[in-house]
């Protein structure tokens, strides 16, 4: 389904000499792989019991409207102008099981949560479930992901994830890894240079182009970037800090939360969720229970 709205926005926050910034407009490149097929939501049948749980406001227009940052392959990105990725496929299936169409509105990552529920009914942008987020939003788990690092092939700068002090590293603005790197940097005597970008593919381009020594992101994102780089990048260190990933809904909308949770659980039970992930060559860490606000 084509995106309905584009929000071109959000500059990254620069931390004096600690950080430099990049914009999605600097070097945005769609993946444009011709072999990517958008998930056929017509293959998912609506469940009358779940459809009956959908609140009247969502039923009125027949759509589930979500906000997503479409620069985070393989979870959420674009083929041409079409949103694709494992999370977009999951959300198409979720909406279909609820008897709704999916409307995807594009946004910068750190603008999504503040726009729930006024602009978006839900957020789907590879959100890691944290206690801080669940204090303000409902989050429904469907997947588990860790944090990984990548470097140029051969690791020419001999980078190790345990020592970022004095290094030049790249992250996407507003991600869990952005927060973690900033926290670690406070302990450094020699400060790292943190280059922040509002699109993950620009972080990858910076690493490929030698502008940074290493990048950090979700493990699925790093694995996909390494695969796409065809030998130009490699992993640095093991996967760390595994955490659940989930869909975000307003706490003021318990009915929609319950409907999405029931839809996800149904997709887990009938094997649809596993089928979606296998199509992206991901067959590990798929949740078997659509837990609401799991403690982490």
C-alpha atoms as a PDB file:
ATOM      1  CA  UNK A   1       0.000   0.000   0.000  1.00  0.00           C
ATOM      2  CA  UNK A   2       1.409   3.381  -0.943  1.00  0.00           C
ATOM      3  CA  UNK A   3       2.186   5.838   1.814  1.00  0.00           C
ATOM      4  CA  UNK A   4      -0.418   8.549   2.338  1.00  0.00           C
ATOM      5  CA  UNK A   5       1.615  11.327   3.891  1.00  0.00           C
ATOM      6  CA  UNK A   6       5.253  12.242   4.087  1.00  0.00           C
ATOM      7  CA  UNK A   7       6.536  14.223   7.014  1.00  0.00           C
ATOM      8  CA  UNK A   8       9.868  15.708   6.025  1.00  0.00           C
ATOM      9  CA  UNK A   9      11.268  16.914   9.268  1.00  0.00           C
ATOM     10  CA  UNK A  10      13.356  16.493  12.258  1.00  0.00           C
ATOM     11  CA  UNK A  11      16.812  17.624  12.506  1.00  0.00           C
ATOM     12  CA  UNK A  12      19.106  15.703  14.785  1.00  0.00           C
ATOM     13  CA  UNK A  13      20.253  17.280  17.994  1.00  0.00           C
ATOM     14  CA  UNK A  14      23.957  18.046  18.064  1.00  0.00           C
ATOM     15  CA  UNK A  15      25.824  17.759  21.327  1.00  0.00           C
ATOM     16  CA  UNK A  16      28.530  20.435  20.979  1.00  0.00           C
ATOM     17  CA  UNK A  17      31.759  18.762  19.880  1.00  0.00           C
ATOM     18  CA  UNK A  18      30.398  15.359  20.790  1.00  0.00           C
ATOM     19  CA  UNK A  19      28.229  14.942  17.747  1.00  0.00           C
ATOM     20  CA  UNK A  20      27.728  15.865  14.139  1.00  0.00           C
ATOM     21  CA  UNK A  21      24.528  15.567  12.186  1.00  0.00           C
ATOM     22  CA  UNK A  22      23.261  14.084   8.963  1.00  0.00           C
ATOM     23  CA  UNK A  23      19.980  14.506   7.139  1.00  0.00           C
ATOM     24  CA  UNK A  24      17.873  11.986   5.298  1.00  0.00           C
ATOM     25  CA  UNK A  25      18.006  14.359   2.347  1.00  0.00           C
ATOM     26  CA  UNK A  26      21.810  14.234   2.253  1.00  0.00           C
ATOM     27  CA  UNK A  27      22.106  10.754   0.841  1.00  0.00           C
ATOM     28  CA  UNK A  28      18.797   8.936   0.953  1.00  0.00           C
ATOM     29  CA  UNK A  29      18.780   5.934  -1.352  1.00  0.00           C
ATOM     30  CA  UNK A  30      15.876   3.550  -1.683  1.00  0.00           C
ATOM     31  CA  UNK A  31      16.886  -0.087  -1.733  1.00  0.00           C
ATOM     32  CA  UNK A  32      14.711  -0.666  -4.825  1.00  0.00           C
ATOM     33  CA  UNK A  33      15.280  -4.405  -4.834  1.00  0.00           C
ATOM     34  CA  UNK A  34      13.133  -5.861  -7.570  1.00  0.00           C
ATOM     35  CA  UNK A  35      12.892  -9.161  -5.713  1.00  0.00           C
ATOM     36  CA  UNK A  36      10.953  -7.754  -2.748  1.00  0.00           C
ATOM     37  CA  UNK A  37       7.266  -8.651  -2.773  1.00  0.00           C
ATOM     38  CA  UNK A  38       4.846  -6.644  -0.636  1.00  0.00           C
ATOM     39  CA  UNK A  39       2.885  -8.971   1.636  1.00  0.00           C
ATOM     40  CA  UNK A  40      -0.491  -9.879   0.180  1.00  0.00           C
ATOM     41  CA  UNK A  41      -2.865  -8.982   3.005  1.00  0.00           C
ATOM     42  CA  UNK A  42      -5.756 -10.504   1.059  1.00  0.00           C
ATOM     43  CA  UNK A  43      -4.367 -13.884   2.109  1.00  0.00           C
ATOM     44  CA  UNK A  44      -5.275 -13.046   5.729  1.00  0.00           C
ATOM     45  CA  UNK A  45      -8.930 -13.502   6.580  1.00  0.00           C
ATOM     46  CA  UNK A  46     -10.692 -11.200   9.010  1.00  0.00           C
ATOM     47  CA  UNK A  47     -11.721 -12.787  12.302  1.00  0.00           C
ATOM     48  CA  UNK A  48     -15.292 -11.689  13.178  1.00  0.00           C
ATOM     49  CA  UNK A  49     -14.600 -11.872  16.924  1.00  0.00           C
ATOM     50  CA  UNK A  50     -11.507  -9.694  16.612  1.00  0.00           C
ATOM     51  CA  UNK A  51     -13.239  -7.316  14.197  1.00  0.00           C
ATOM     52  CA  UNK A  52     -15.981  -6.867  16.801  1.00  0.00           C
ATOM     53  CA  UNK A  53     -13.340  -5.648  19.267  1.00  0.00           C
ATOM     54  CA  UNK A  54     -12.273  -2.765  17.005  1.00  0.00           C
ATOM     55  CA  UNK A  55     -13.479   0.572  18.419  1.00  0.00           C
ATOM     56  CA  UNK A  56     -16.087   2.549  16.520  1.00  0.00           C
ATOM     57  CA  UNK A  57     -13.676   5.339  15.500  1.00  0.00           C
ATOM     58  CA  UNK A  58     -11.399   2.892  13.683  1.00  0.00           C
ATOM     59  CA  UNK A  59     -14.335   1.110  12.083  1.00  0.00           C
ATOM     60  CA  UNK A  60     -15.735   4.392  10.782  1.00  0.00           C
ATOM     61  CA  UNK A  61     -13.105   4.829   8.072  1.00  0.00           C
ATOM     62  CA  UNK A  62     -12.219   1.148   7.799  1.00  0.00           C
ATOM     63  CA  UNK A  63      -8.518   1.850   8.337  1.00  0.00           C
ATOM     64  CA  UNK A  64      -5.814   1.314  10.910  1.00  0.00           C
ATOM     65  CA  UNK A  65      -3.561   4.366  10.643  1.00  0.00           C
ATOM     66  CA  UNK A  66       0.032   3.922  11.767  1.00  0.00           C
ATOM     67  CA  UNK A  67       3.125   6.104  11.882  1.00  0.00           C
ATOM     68  CA  UNK A  68       6.464   4.670  10.767  1.00  0.00           C
ATOM     69  CA  UNK A  69       9.964   5.790   9.863  1.00  0.00           C
ATOM     70  CA  UNK A  70      10.652   4.096   6.543  1.00  0.00           C
ATOM     71  CA  UNK A  71      14.456   4.142   6.634  1.00  0.00           C
ATOM     72  CA  UNK A  72      15.167   1.126   8.836  1.00  0.00           C
ATOM     73  CA  UNK A  73      15.610  -1.973   6.682  1.00  0.00           C
ATOM     74  CA  UNK A  74      14.651  -4.746   6.962  1.00  0.00           C
ATOM     75  CA  UNK A  75      11.908  -3.703   9.398  1.00  0.00           C
ATOM     76  CA  UNK A  76      10.522  -0.605   7.701  1.00  0.00           C
ATOM     77  CA  UNK A  77      11.735   0.902   4.423  1.00  0.00           C
ATOM     78  CA  UNK A  78      10.614   1.632   0.870  1.00  0.00           C
ATOM     79  CA  UNK A  79      10.726   0.009  -2.516  1.00  0.00           C
ATOM     80  CA  UNK A  80      10.146   2.999  -4.736  1.00  0.00           C
ATOM     81  CA  UNK A  81       7.237   4.648  -2.948  1.00  0.00           C
ATOM     82  CA  UNK A  82       5.836   1.455  -1.409  1.00  0.00           C
ATOM     83  CA  UNK A  83       6.454   0.759   2.303  1.00  0.00           C
ATOM     84  CA  UNK A  84       8.025  -2.683   2.725  1.00  0.00           C
ATOM     85  CA  UNK A  85       9.790  -4.659   5.436  1.00  0.00           C
ATOM     86  CA  UNK A  86       8.953  -7.355   7.932  1.00  0.00           C
ATOM     87  CA  UNK A  87       7.139  -4.934  10.244  1.00  0.00           C
ATOM     88  CA  UNK A  88       5.084  -3.465   7.415  1.00  0.00           C
ATOM     89  CA  UNK A  89       4.081  -7.017   6.477  1.00  0.00           C
ATOM     90  CA  UNK A  90       3.148  -7.735  10.093  1.00  0.00           C
ATOM     91  CA  UNK A  91       1.026  -4.592  10.269  1.00  0.00           C
ATOM     92  CA  UNK A  92      -0.766  -5.381   7.005  1.00  0.00           C
ATOM     93  CA  UNK A  93      -1.646  -8.784   8.431  1.00  0.00           C
ATOM     94  CA  UNK A  94      -2.721  -7.292  11.775  1.00  0.00           C
ATOM     95  CA  UNK A  95      -5.063  -4.831  10.069  1.00  0.00           C
ATOM     96  CA  UNK A  96      -6.484  -7.510   7.773  1.00  0.00           C
ATOM     97  CA  UNK A  97      -7.237  -9.848  10.699  1.00  0.00           C
ATOM     98  CA  UNK A  98      -9.093  -6.917  12.314  1.00  0.00           C
ATOM     99  CA  UNK A  99     -11.124  -6.408   9.133  1.00  0.00           C
ATOM    100  CA  UNK A 100      -9.371  -3.124   8.310  1.00  0.00           C
ATOM    101  CA  UNK A 101      -7.097  -1.695   5.641  1.00  0.00           C
ATOM    102  CA  UNK A 102      -3.706  -0.342   6.683  1.00  0.00           C
ATOM    103  CA  UNK A 103      -2.793   3.305   6.161  1.00  0.00           C
ATOM    104  CA  UNK A 104       0.920   4.004   6.597  1.00  0.00           C
ATOM    105  CA  UNK A 105       1.956   7.585   7.289  1.00  0.00           C
ATOM    106  CA  UNK A 106       5.661   8.301   7.102  1.00  0.00           C
ATOM    107  CA  UNK A 107       7.357  10.258   9.863  1.00  0.00           C
ATOM    108  CA  UNK A 108      10.739  10.873  11.409  1.00  0.00           C
ATOM    109  CA  UNK A 109      11.382   8.294  14.121  1.00  0.00           C
ATOM    110  CA  UNK A 110      11.309  10.641  17.080  1.00  0.00           C
ATOM    111  CA  UNK A 111       8.061  12.306  15.941  1.00  0.00           C
ATOM    112  CA  UNK A 112       5.951   9.141  15.995  1.00  0.00           C
ATOM    113  CA  UNK A 113       5.235   8.693  19.701  1.00  0.00           C
ATOM    114  CA  UNK A 114       4.235  12.333  20.318  1.00  0.00           C
ATOM    115  CA  UNK A 115       1.680  11.987  17.491  1.00  0.00           C
ATOM    116  CA  UNK A 116      -0.123   9.013  19.041  1.00  0.00           C
ATOM    117  CA  UNK A 117      -3.158   9.096  19.185  1.00  0.00           C
ATOM    118  CA  UNK A 118      -3.975  12.453  17.569  1.00  0.00           C
ATOM    119  CA  UNK A 119      -2.415  11.659  14.184  1.00  0.00           C
ATOM    120  CA  UNK A 120      -1.675   7.929  14.382  1.00  0.00           C
ATOM    121  CA  UNK A 121      -3.741   5.192  15.987  1.00  0.00           C
ATOM    122  CA  UNK A 122      -0.591   3.130  16.452  1.00  0.00           C
ATOM    123  CA  UNK A 123       3.152   3.316  15.949  1.00  0.00           C
ATOM    124  CA  UNK A 124       5.157   0.638  14.139  1.00  0.00           C
ATOM    125  CA  UNK A 125       8.785   1.556  13.664  1.00  0.00           C
ATOM    126  CA  UNK A 126      10.884  -1.233  15.198  1.00  0.00           C
ATOM    127  CA  UNK A 127      10.187   0.171  18.656  1.00  0.00           C
ATOM    128  CA  UNK A 128      12.115  -1.563  21.410  1.00  0.00           C
ATOM    129  CA  UNK A 129       9.909  -2.114  24.444  1.00  0.00           C
ATOM    130  CA  UNK A 130      11.322  -0.271  27.439  1.00  0.00           C
ATOM    131  CA  UNK A 131       9.902   0.470  30.876  1.00  0.00           C
ATOM    132  CA  UNK A 132      10.152   4.175  30.084  1.00  0.00           C
ATOM    133  CA  UNK A 133       7.989   3.783  26.984  1.00  0.00           C
ATOM    134  CA  UNK A 134       5.419   1.514  28.622  1.00  0.00           C
ATOM    135  CA  UNK A 135       4.992   4.082  31.392  1.00  0.00           C
ATOM    136  CA  UNK A 136       3.359   6.315  28.779  1.00  0.00           C
ATOM    137  CA  UNK A 137       2.115   3.954  26.040  1.00  0.00           C
ATOM    138  CA  UNK A 138       0.791   0.448  25.593  1.00  0.00           C
ATOM    139  CA  UNK A 139       3.251  -1.795  23.747  1.00  0.00           C
ATOM    140  CA  UNK A 140       2.402  -5.229  22.356  1.00  0.00           C
ATOM    141  CA  UNK A 141       5.305  -7.617  21.790  1.00  0.00           C
ATOM    142  CA  UNK A 142       5.730  -9.662  18.607  1.00  0.00           C
ATOM    143  CA  UNK A 143       9.505 -10.044  18.183  1.00  0.00           C
ATOM    144  CA  UNK A 144      12.786  -9.891  20.081  1.00  0.00           C
ATOM    145  CA  UNK A 145      15.876  -8.136  18.818  1.00  0.00           C
ATOM    146  CA  UNK A 146      19.321  -7.294  20.143  1.00  0.00           C
ATOM    147  CA  UNK A 147      21.923  -4.594  19.574  1.00  0.00           C
ATOM    148  CA  UNK A 148      24.812  -5.181  17.157  1.00  0.00           C
ATOM    149  CA  UNK A 149      27.767  -3.269  15.726  1.00  0.00           C
ATOM    150  CA  UNK A 150      29.238  -3.216  12.239  1.00  0.00           C
ATOM    151  CA  UNK A 151      32.566  -2.018  10.850  1.00  0.00           C
ATOM    152  CA  UNK A 152      34.233  -1.912   7.451  1.00  0.00           C
ATOM    153  CA  UNK A 153      35.500  -5.282   6.240  1.00  0.00           C
ATOM    154  CA  UNK A 154      38.723  -6.214   7.987  1.00  0.00           C
ATOM    155  CA  UNK A 155      37.988  -3.750  10.806  1.00  0.00           C
ATOM    156  CA  UNK A 156      40.784  -1.361   9.745  1.00  0.00           C
ATOM    157  CA  UNK A 157      40.491   0.808  12.870  1.00  0.00           C
ATOM    158  CA  UNK A 158      40.468  -2.230  15.203  1.00  0.00           C
ATOM    159  CA  UNK A 159      37.201  -1.079  16.769  1.00  0.00           C
ATOM    160  CA  UNK A 160      35.685  -3.007  19.667  1.00  0.00           C
ATOM    161  CA  UNK A 161      32.137  -2.337  20.951  1.00  0.00           C
ATOM    162  CA  UNK A 162      33.363  -2.252  24.542  1.00  0.00           C
ATOM    163  CA  UNK A 163      35.504   0.839  23.932  1.00  0.00           C
ATOM    164  CA  UNK A 164      33.873   3.720  22.048  1.00  0.00           C
ATOM    165  CA  UNK A 165      35.920   6.463  23.733  1.00  0.00           C
ATOM    166  CA  UNK A 166      37.746   8.586  21.175  1.00  0.00           C
ATOM    167  CA  UNK A 167      36.061   6.800  18.273  1.00  0.00           C
ATOM    168  CA  UNK A 168      33.852   8.106  15.463  1.00  0.00           C
ATOM    169  CA  UNK A 169      30.592   6.189  15.426  1.00  0.00           C
ATOM    170  CA  UNK A 170      27.203   6.505  13.759  1.00  0.00           C
ATOM    171  CA  UNK A 171      23.637   5.951  14.965  1.00  0.00           C
ATOM    172  CA  UNK A 172      20.100   6.792  13.908  1.00  0.00           C
ATOM    173  CA  UNK A 173      18.618   9.654  15.911  1.00  0.00           C
ATOM    174  CA  UNK A 174      16.238   8.691  18.702  1.00  0.00           C
ATOM    175  CA  UNK A 175      16.926   4.952  18.726  1.00  0.00           C
ATOM    176  CA  UNK A 176      17.717   2.893  21.790  1.00  0.00           C
ATOM    177  CA  UNK A 177      21.302   2.663  20.523  1.00  0.00           C
ATOM    178  CA  UNK A 178      21.493   6.467  20.291  1.00  0.00           C
ATOM    179  CA  UNK A 179      20.514   6.702  23.950  1.00  0.00           C
ATOM    180  CA  UNK A 180      22.948   3.958  24.958  1.00  0.00           C
ATOM    181  CA  UNK A 181      25.893   5.505  23.115  1.00  0.00           C
ATOM    182  CA  UNK A 182      25.214   8.936  24.634  1.00  0.00           C
ATOM    183  CA  UNK A 183      25.079   7.391  28.102  1.00  0.00           C
ATOM    184  CA  UNK A 184      28.357   5.532  27.597  1.00  0.00           C
ATOM    185  CA  UNK A 185      30.031   8.651  26.191  1.00  0.00           C
ATOM    186  CA  UNK A 186      29.526  10.468  29.501  1.00  0.00           C
ATOM    187  CA  UNK A 187      31.972   8.036  31.095  1.00  0.00           C
ATOM    188  CA  UNK A 188      34.713   8.674  28.522  1.00  0.00           C
ATOM    189  CA  UNK A 189      37.758  10.816  29.234  1.00  0.00           C
ATOM    190  CA  UNK A 190      38.311  11.219  25.488  1.00  0.00           C
ATOM    191  CA  UNK A 191      34.889  11.852  24.028  1.00  0.00           C
ATOM    192  CA  UNK A 192      33.688   9.899  20.980  1.00  0.00           C
ATOM    193  CA  UNK A 193      32.427  11.722  17.924  1.00  0.00           C
ATOM    194  CA  UNK A 194      28.831  10.597  17.498  1.00  0.00           C
ATOM    195  CA  UNK A 195      27.381  11.207  14.062  1.00  0.00           C
ATOM    196  CA  UNK A 196      23.586  11.100  14.179  1.00  0.00           C
ATOM    197  CA  UNK A 197      21.403  10.615  11.119  1.00  0.00           C
ATOM    198  CA  UNK A 198      17.625  10.616  10.785  1.00  0.00           C
ATOM    199  CA  UNK A 199      17.757   7.632   8.401  1.00  0.00           C
ATOM    200  CA  UNK A 200      19.532   4.345   9.140  1.00  0.00           C
ATOM    201  CA  UNK A 201      20.559   3.897   5.513  1.00  0.00           C
ATOM    202  CA  UNK A 202      22.561   7.125   5.805  1.00  0.00           C
ATOM    203  CA  UNK A 203      24.394   5.664   8.798  1.00  0.00           C
ATOM    204  CA  UNK A 204      25.234   2.648   6.643  1.00  0.00           C
ATOM    205  CA  UNK A 205      26.375   4.892   3.788  1.00  0.00           C
ATOM    206  CA  UNK A 206      28.609   6.823   6.198  1.00  0.00           C
ATOM    207  CA  UNK A 207      30.265   3.589   7.306  1.00  0.00           C
ATOM    208  CA  UNK A 208      30.681   2.340   3.751  1.00  0.00           C
ATOM    209  CA  UNK A 209      32.174   5.693   2.770  1.00  0.00           C
ATOM    210  CA  UNK A 210      34.696   5.776   5.613  1.00  0.00           C
ATOM    211  CA  UNK A 211      33.109   8.722   7.438  1.00  0.00           C
ATOM    212  CA  UNK A 212      32.675   6.703  10.638  1.00  0.00           C
ATOM    213  CA  UNK A 213      34.556   3.784  12.190  1.00  0.00           C
ATOM    214  CA  UNK A 214      31.522   1.806  13.315  1.00  0.00           C
ATOM    215  CA  UNK A 215      27.739   1.873  13.501  1.00  0.00           C
ATOM    216  CA  UNK A 216      25.269   0.361  15.936  1.00  0.00           C
ATOM    217  CA  UNK A 217      21.612  -0.590  15.445  1.00  0.00           C
ATOM    218  CA  UNK A 218      19.159  -3.423  16.006  1.00  0.00           C
ATOM    219  CA  UNK A 219      20.741  -6.803  15.276  1.00  0.00           C
ATOM    220  CA  UNK A 220      18.316  -7.495  12.407  1.00  0.00           C
ATOM    221  CA  UNK A 221      19.223  -4.149  10.831  1.00  0.00           C
ATOM    222  CA  UNK A 222      22.966  -4.771  11.137  1.00  0.00           C
ATOM    223  CA  UNK A 223      22.640  -8.286   9.718  1.00  0.00           C
ATOM    224  CA  UNK A 224      20.633  -6.985   6.769  1.00  0.00           C
ATOM    225  CA  UNK A 225      23.096  -4.152   6.089  1.00  0.00           C
ATOM    226  CA  UNK A 226      26.018  -6.593   6.107  1.00  0.00           C
ATOM    227  CA  UNK A 227      24.159  -8.906   3.737  1.00  0.00           C
ATOM    228  CA  UNK A 228      23.383  -6.046   1.356  1.00  0.00           C
ATOM    229  CA  UNK A 229      26.969  -4.742   1.493  1.00  0.00           C
ATOM    230  CA  UNK A 230      28.261  -7.968  -0.111  1.00  0.00           C
ATOM    231  CA  UNK A 231      31.544  -8.162   1.740  1.00  0.00           C
ATOM    232  CA  UNK A 232      32.155  -4.455   2.369  1.00  0.00           C
ATOM    233  CA  UNK A 233      30.986  -4.591   6.007  1.00  0.00           C
ATOM    234  CA  UNK A 234      31.311  -7.085   8.844  1.00  0.00           C
ATOM    235  CA  UNK A 235      29.967  -7.565  12.355  1.00  0.00           C
ATOM    236  CA  UNK A 236      31.968  -6.355  15.346  1.00  0.00           C
ATOM    237  CA  UNK A 237      31.319  -8.394  18.461  1.00  0.00           C
ATOM    238  CA  UNK A 238      28.311 -10.505  19.457  1.00  0.00           C
ATOM    239  CA  UNK A 239      24.638  -9.542  19.633  1.00  0.00           C
ATOM    240  CA  UNK A 240      24.024  -7.763  22.931  1.00  0.00           C
ATOM    241  CA  UNK A 241      21.130  -6.706  25.125  1.00  0.00           C
ATOM    242  CA  UNK A 242      18.259  -8.608  23.546  1.00  0.00           C
ATOM    243  CA  UNK A 243      14.931  -6.894  24.127  1.00  0.00           C
ATOM    244  CA  UNK A 244      11.333  -7.231  22.908  1.00  0.00           C
ATOM    245  CA  UNK A 245      10.029  -5.194  19.998  1.00  0.00           C
ATOM    246  CA  UNK A 246       6.404  -4.142  19.745  1.00  0.00           C
ATOM    247  CA  UNK A 247       3.541  -2.084  18.386  1.00  0.00           C
ATOM    248  CA  UNK A 248       2.701   1.150  20.214  1.00  0.00           C
ATOM    249  CA  UNK A 249      -0.859   2.218  21.093  1.00  0.00           C
ATOM    250  CA  UNK A 250      -2.198   4.988  23.316  1.00  0.00           C
ATOM    251  CA  UNK A 251      -3.057   4.010  26.886  1.00  0.00           C
ATOM    252  CA  UNK A 252      -6.247   6.007  26.349  1.00  0.00           C
ATOM    253  CA  UNK A 253      -7.395   3.468  23.748  1.00  0.00           C
ATOM    254  CA  UNK A 254      -7.655   0.127  25.587  1.00  0.00           C
ATOM    255  CA  UNK A 255     -10.160  -1.236  23.057  1.00  0.00           C
ATOM    256  CA  UNK A 256      -7.783  -0.773  20.123  1.00  0.00           C
ATOM    257  CA  UNK A 257      -4.930  -2.154  22.223  1.00  0.00           C
ATOM    258  CA  UNK A 258      -6.954  -5.296  22.939  1.00  0.00           C
ATOM    259  CA  UNK A 259      -7.938  -5.702  19.271  1.00  0.00           C
ATOM    260  CA  UNK A 260      -4.339  -5.395  18.046  1.00  0.00           C
ATOM    261  CA  UNK A 261      -3.138  -7.765  20.765  1.00  0.00           C
ATOM    262  CA  UNK A 262      -5.789 -10.335  19.808  1.00  0.00           C
ATOM    263  CA  UNK A 263      -4.929  -9.947  16.129  1.00  0.00           C
ATOM    264  CA  UNK A 264      -1.221 -10.477  16.768  1.00  0.00           C
ATOM    265  CA  UNK A 265      -1.885 -13.525  18.928  1.00  0.00           C
ATOM    266  CA  UNK A 266      -4.109 -14.990  16.215  1.00  0.00           C
ATOM    267  CA  UNK A 267      -1.348 -14.483  13.633  1.00  0.00           C
ATOM    268  CA  UNK A 268       1.126 -16.178  15.953  1.00  0.00           C
ATOM    269  CA  UNK A 269      -1.194 -19.112  16.559  1.00  0.00           C
ATOM    270  CA  UNK A 270      -1.992 -19.820  12.895  1.00  0.00           C
ATOM    271  CA  UNK A 271       1.618 -19.493  11.702  1.00  0.00           C
ATOM    272  CA  UNK A 272       1.144 -16.321   9.642  1.00  0.00           C
ATOM    273  CA  UNK A 273       3.679 -14.357  11.691  1.00  0.00           C
ATOM    274  CA  UNK A 274       6.306 -17.069  11.271  1.00  0.00           C
ATOM    275  CA  UNK A 275       5.602 -17.175   7.533  1.00  0.00           C
ATOM    276  CA  UNK A 276       6.164 -13.420   7.266  1.00  0.00           C
ATOM    277  CA  UNK A 277       9.488 -13.541   9.095  1.00  0.00           C
ATOM    278  CA  UNK A 278      10.716 -16.542   7.125  1.00  0.00           C
ATOM    279  CA  UNK A 279      10.130 -14.585   3.921  1.00  0.00           C
ATOM    280  CA  UNK A 280      12.733 -12.124   5.283  1.00  0.00           C
ATOM    281  CA  UNK A 281      15.119 -14.960   6.207  1.00  0.00           C
ATOM    282  CA  UNK A 282      14.401 -14.393   9.894  1.00  0.00           C
ATOM    283  CA  UNK A 283      13.260 -17.464  11.782  1.00  0.00           C
ATOM    284  CA  UNK A 284      14.509 -16.808  15.305  1.00  0.00           C
ATOM    285  CA  UNK A 285      13.262 -14.714  18.226  1.00  0.00           C
ATOM    286  CA  UNK A 286       9.656 -14.545  16.979  1.00  0.00           C
ATOM    287  CA  UNK A 287       7.333 -14.158  19.961  1.00  0.00           C
ATOM    288  CA  UNK A 288       4.795 -16.881  20.726  1.00  0.00           C
ATOM    289  CA  UNK A 289       2.751 -14.634  23.022  1.00  0.00           C
ATOM    290  CA  UNK A 290       1.556 -11.130  22.193  1.00  0.00           C
ATOM    291  CA  UNK A 291       2.414  -9.799  25.633  1.00  0.00           C
ATOM    292  CA  UNK A 292       1.152  -6.374  26.670  1.00  0.00           C
ATOM    293  CA  UNK A 293       3.760  -4.144  28.314  1.00  0.00           C
ATOM    294  CA  UNK A 294       6.181  -6.939  29.276  1.00  0.00           C
ATOM    295  CA  UNK A 295       8.653  -6.020  31.984  1.00  0.00           C
ATOM    296  CA  UNK A 296      12.196  -5.687  30.682  1.00  0.00           C
END
